[in-house]
Amino acid sequence: MAETAPHEPIRWDHERRQRRGFPESVLGTGKSLTHLEAIVRNLTDEGPVIFTRLAEPLATALQAQFPERPWRYDPLSQTLVHGSWPAPDDSRHVAVLTAGTADIPVAREAEWTLAADGVKVTARYDVGVAGLHRLLAVWPEVSLADVLIVVAGMDGALPSVVAGLASQPVIAVPTSVGYGAHFSGLAPLLTMLNSCAEGLAVVNIDNGFGAARLASQILRLKCRKEAAL
């Protein structure tokens, strides 16, 4: 029987920042510490690199293995950031809203991804439609943002309400928070996809990272247009 050729565990995309505006990111789920160490050895000065869904024991072990590297870790969202943390740019502003407190881990993933990209973030939690006055109370503040990210589980109604009020792009993030008929996020996902509010984009279930990257791309277009004026 022929021997199986060894596979290279890591093929790091060093040109992604030039193509997309940010370096390659790392999904921590399913990766061993050996794989993660190989990734870190490939990192240079490409800017903050985000490790998502990285369990705290692995994050702790990785930081211990490379103590000289700049690290930040958020155990709530299981987000690890490698690289220097940029100062927030006031000209790029995103508001992150959650319907309930159980949605905060997904929102935090979005917040950390945006902050690592130098975006100013305003986060307001527990403003769901079960108490609409809570959203209206924070609306004068969050409506100043360039893009709104709305994170909701259960019935997933909050993004439609926000998109009905906002002039900005709204990115909806369904979460896997809810009871049986919620189907682990499928119910709010379908609600958001079927929204009658214009200008509402929807990402996958629990994908705070993807929402943040989309918001960053929208803001880059805005900054490019302003620079051309």
Protein backbone atom coordinates (compact mmCIF):
# COMPACT_ATOMS: atom_id res chain seq x y z
CA MET A 1 0.00 0.00 0.00
CA ALA A 2 1.34 3.42 -0.96
CA GLU A 3 2.19 5.74 1.89
CA THR A 4 0.02 8.82 2.32
CA ALA A 5 1.95 11.99 1.61
CA PRO A 6 2.19 14.30 4.62
CA HIS A 7 -0.04 17.34 4.48
CA GLU A 8 1.05 20.84 5.39
CA PRO A 9 -1.16 21.82 8.35
CA ILE A 10 -1.00 25.56 7.62
CA ARG A 11 -1.17 27.55 4.38
CA TRP A 12 -1.41 31.09 5.72
CA ASP A 13 -2.87 33.70 3.38
CA HIS A 14 -0.39 36.57 3.79
CA GLU A 15 -1.96 38.60 0.97
CA ARG A 16 -5.47 38.78 2.40
CA ARG A 17 -4.98 42.23 3.90
CA GLN A 18 -4.04 43.59 0.47
CA ARG A 19 -7.10 41.96 -1.12
CA ARG A 20 -9.71 42.39 1.60
CA GLY A 21 -8.46 45.02 4.03
CA PHE A 22 -7.81 42.67 6.97
CA PRO A 23 -5.60 39.62 7.55
CA GLU A 24 -6.77 36.02 7.57
CA SER A 25 -8.70 34.97 10.66
CA VAL A 26 -8.70 31.65 12.49
CA LEU A 27 -11.65 29.49 13.53
CA GLY A 28 -10.54 27.82 16.74
CA THR A 29 -13.13 25.04 16.69
CA GLY A 30 -11.58 21.69 15.76
CA LYS A 31 -7.96 22.85 15.88
CA SER A 32 -5.38 21.29 18.16
CA LEU A 33 -2.79 23.25 20.10
CA THR A 34 -0.18 22.01 17.62
CA HIS A 35 -2.15 23.48 14.72
CA LEU A 36 -2.62 26.76 16.55
CA GLU A 37 1.08 27.01 17.38
CA ALA A 38 1.94 26.49 13.71
CA ILE A 39 -0.44 29.32 12.80
CA VAL A 40 1.13 31.71 15.30
CA ARG A 41 4.59 30.97 13.92
CA ASN A 42 3.31 32.15 10.52
CA LEU A 43 2.08 35.49 11.85
CA THR A 44 4.07 38.61 11.12
CA ASP A 45 3.04 42.27 11.35
CA GLU A 46 -0.11 41.92 9.26
CA GLY A 47 -2.18 43.61 11.94
CA PRO A 48 -4.47 42.10 14.58
CA VAL A 49 -5.36 38.48 13.77
CA ILE A 50 -8.59 37.15 15.27
CA PHE A 51 -9.04 33.63 16.63
CA THR A 52 -12.77 32.94 17.01
CA ARG A 53 -14.52 30.21 19.03
CA LEU A 54 -11.32 29.39 20.88
CA ALA A 55 -11.94 27.65 24.21
CA GLU A 56 -10.25 29.28 27.20
CA PRO A 57 -7.85 26.37 27.99
CA LEU A 58 -6.48 26.48 24.43
CA ALA A 59 -6.25 30.28 24.50
CA THR A 60 -4.37 30.14 27.81
CA ALA A 61 -1.98 27.46 26.51
CA LEU A 62 -1.31 29.41 23.31
CA GLN A 63 -0.52 32.60 25.20
CA ALA A 64 1.80 30.69 27.53
CA GLN A 65 3.62 29.18 24.55
CA PHE A 66 4.24 32.63 23.03
CA PRO A 67 4.42 34.99 26.04
CA GLU A 68 6.33 37.64 24.10
CA ARG A 69 3.46 38.11 21.63
CA PRO A 70 0.72 40.75 22.15
CA TRP A 71 -2.52 38.96 23.11
CA ARG A 72 -6.03 39.83 24.27
CA TYR A 73 -8.69 37.28 25.14
CA ASP A 74 -12.42 37.60 25.82
CA PRO A 75 -13.70 34.46 27.59
CA LEU A 76 -17.34 35.46 27.09
CA SER A 77 -17.17 35.28 23.29
CA GLN A 78 -14.10 33.00 23.22
CA THR A 79 -12.28 35.49 21.00
CA LEU A 80 -8.48 35.75 21.05
CA VAL A 81 -6.71 38.62 19.28
CA HIS A 82 -3.03 38.52 18.31
CA GLY A 83 -1.34 41.83 17.54
CA SER A 84 -1.32 45.45 18.64
CA TRP A 85 -4.73 46.85 19.52
CA PRO A 86 -5.52 49.92 17.37
CA ALA A 87 -7.08 53.11 18.68
CA PRO A 88 -10.75 53.48 17.71
CA ASP A 89 -11.39 55.59 14.61
CA ASP A 90 -14.31 57.94 15.28
CA SER A 91 -15.00 58.21 11.54
CA ARG A 92 -16.00 54.51 11.51
CA HIS A 93 -18.73 53.87 14.05
CA VAL A 94 -20.84 50.74 14.57
CA ALA A 95 -23.58 50.24 17.14
CA VAL A 96 -24.17 46.69 18.39
CA LEU A 97 -27.56 45.93 19.95
CA THR A 98 -28.85 42.76 21.57
CA ALA A 99 -32.43 41.75 22.20
CA GLY A 100 -31.53 39.99 25.47
CA THR A 101 -28.60 39.40 27.78
CA ALA A 102 -28.30 35.79 26.57
CA ASP A 103 -27.32 37.19 23.14
CA ILE A 104 -24.32 39.07 24.54
CA PRO A 105 -21.62 36.43 23.74
CA VAL A 106 -22.44 36.68 20.02
CA ALA A 107 -22.52 40.46 20.23
CA ARG A 108 -19.14 40.47 21.96
CA GLU A 109 -17.65 38.47 19.10
CA ALA A 110 -18.77 41.24 16.76
CA GLU A 111 -17.49 43.97 19.09
CA TRP A 112 -14.04 42.48 19.48
CA THR A 113 -13.74 41.90 15.74
CA LEU A 114 -14.65 45.52 15.05
CA ALA A 115 -12.39 46.90 17.78
CA ALA A 116 -9.45 44.89 16.45
CA ASP A 117 -10.07 46.60 13.10
CA GLY A 118 -9.96 50.04 14.71
CA VAL A 119 -13.71 50.69 14.51
CA LYS A 120 -15.47 52.70 17.20
CA VAL A 121 -18.14 50.52 18.86
CA THR A 122 -21.18 51.49 20.89
CA ALA A 123 -22.82 48.44 22.52
CA ARG A 124 -26.25 48.43 24.14
CA TYR A 125 -27.74 45.21 25.50
CA ASP A 126 -31.20 43.93 26.44
CA VAL A 127 -33.26 46.29 24.26
CA GLY A 128 -35.59 43.68 22.75
CA VAL A 129 -39.17 44.12 21.61
CA ALA A 130 -40.65 42.66 24.81
CA GLY A 131 -39.98 46.13 26.24
CA LEU A 132 -39.84 48.48 23.28
CA HIS A 133 -39.23 51.50 25.52
CA ARG A 134 -35.72 50.13 26.17
CA LEU A 135 -34.79 50.49 22.49
CA LEU A 136 -36.33 53.95 22.26
CA ALA A 137 -34.35 55.04 25.32
CA VAL A 138 -31.00 54.30 23.65
CA TRP A 139 -32.04 55.22 20.12
CA PRO A 140 -30.76 58.85 20.14
CA GLU A 141 -27.29 57.49 20.92
CA VAL A 142 -27.09 54.39 18.70
CA SER A 143 -28.69 56.15 15.72
CA LEU A 144 -25.49 58.20 15.37
CA ALA A 145 -23.58 55.10 14.19
CA ASP A 146 -22.78 54.42 10.53
CA VAL A 147 -23.90 50.77 10.68
CA LEU A 148 -26.12 48.91 13.15
CA ILE A 149 -25.59 45.26 14.10
CA VAL A 150 -28.63 43.73 15.80
CA VAL A 151 -28.27 40.41 17.61
CA ALA A 152 -31.42 38.51 18.59
CA GLY A 153 -32.65 35.03 19.40
CA MET A 154 -36.15 33.85 20.34
CA ASP A 155 -38.54 35.33 17.72
CA GLY A 156 -35.83 37.46 16.09
CA ALA A 157 -38.08 40.52 15.80
CA LEU A 158 -35.68 43.27 16.91
CA PRO A 159 -33.78 43.71 13.59
CA SER A 160 -37.02 44.48 11.74
CA VAL A 161 -37.93 47.13 14.29
CA VAL A 162 -34.47 48.70 14.12
CA ALA A 163 -34.42 48.63 10.31
CA GLY A 164 -37.81 50.33 10.30
CA LEU A 165 -36.34 53.24 12.27
CA ALA A 166 -32.82 53.50 10.86
CA SER A 167 -31.45 55.26 7.80
CA GLN A 168 -28.21 53.26 8.11
CA PRO A 169 -27.49 49.71 6.90
CA VAL A 170 -28.65 47.14 9.46
CA ILE A 171 -27.01 43.73 9.85
CA ALA A 172 -29.06 41.10 11.65
CA VAL A 173 -27.51 38.21 13.58
CA PRO A 174 -29.82 35.38 14.70
CA THR A 175 -28.67 33.50 17.77
CA SER A 176 -29.20 29.95 18.99
CA VAL A 177 -30.89 31.27 22.14
CA GLY A 178 -34.50 30.19 22.59
CA TYR A 179 -36.99 27.44 23.41
CA GLY A 180 -37.92 24.29 21.46
CA ALA A 181 -39.78 25.73 18.46
CA HIS A 182 -36.92 28.19 18.09
CA PHE A 183 -34.96 25.29 16.47
CA SER A 184 -31.55 26.48 17.72
CA GLY A 185 -31.67 29.73 15.78
CA LEU A 186 -33.54 28.64 12.65
CA ALA A 187 -36.74 30.44 13.68
CA PRO A 188 -35.13 33.90 14.11
CA LEU A 189 -33.03 33.33 10.99
CA LEU A 190 -36.18 32.80 8.92
CA THR A 191 -37.89 35.77 10.59
CA MET A 192 -34.99 38.03 9.68
CA LEU A 193 -34.75 36.72 6.12
CA ASN A 194 -38.47 37.38 5.65
CA SER A 195 -38.40 40.88 7.12
CA CYS A 196 -40.33 43.54 5.22
CA ALA A 197 -37.91 46.25 6.39
CA GLU A 198 -35.61 47.48 3.62
CA GLY A 199 -31.84 47.60 3.96
CA LEU A 200 -31.59 44.61 6.28
CA ALA A 201 -28.79 42.09 5.70
CA VAL A 202 -28.76 38.77 7.56
CA VAL A 203 -25.76 36.61 8.47
CA ASN A 204 -25.68 33.05 9.72
CA ILE A 205 -26.74 31.87 13.18
CA ASP A 206 -24.39 33.11 15.97
CA ASN A 207 -22.09 34.70 13.38
CA GLY A 208 -21.10 37.87 15.15
CA PHE A 209 -17.72 37.72 13.43
CA GLY A 210 -19.28 37.71 9.96
CA ALA A 211 -21.53 40.64 10.83
CA ALA A 212 -18.53 42.65 11.99
CA ARG A 213 -16.54 41.93 8.84
CA LEU A 214 -19.48 43.04 6.67
CA ALA A 215 -19.81 46.24 8.69
CA SER A 216 -16.07 46.92 8.26
CA GLN A 217 -16.35 46.51 4.49
CA ILE A 218 -19.27 48.94 4.36
CA LEU A 219 -17.27 51.47 6.37
CA ARG A 220 -14.24 51.12 4.11
CA LEU A 221 -16.39 52.14 1.14
CA LYS A 222 -17.64 55.13 3.11
CA CYS A 223 -14.09 56.23 4.00
CA ARG A 224 -12.93 55.73 0.41
CA LYS A 225 -15.74 57.94 -0.86
CA GLU A 226 -14.99 60.66 1.71
CA ALA A 227 -11.28 60.58 0.84
CA ALA A 228 -12.10 61.12 -2.84
CA LEU A 229 -14.08 64.30 -2.13
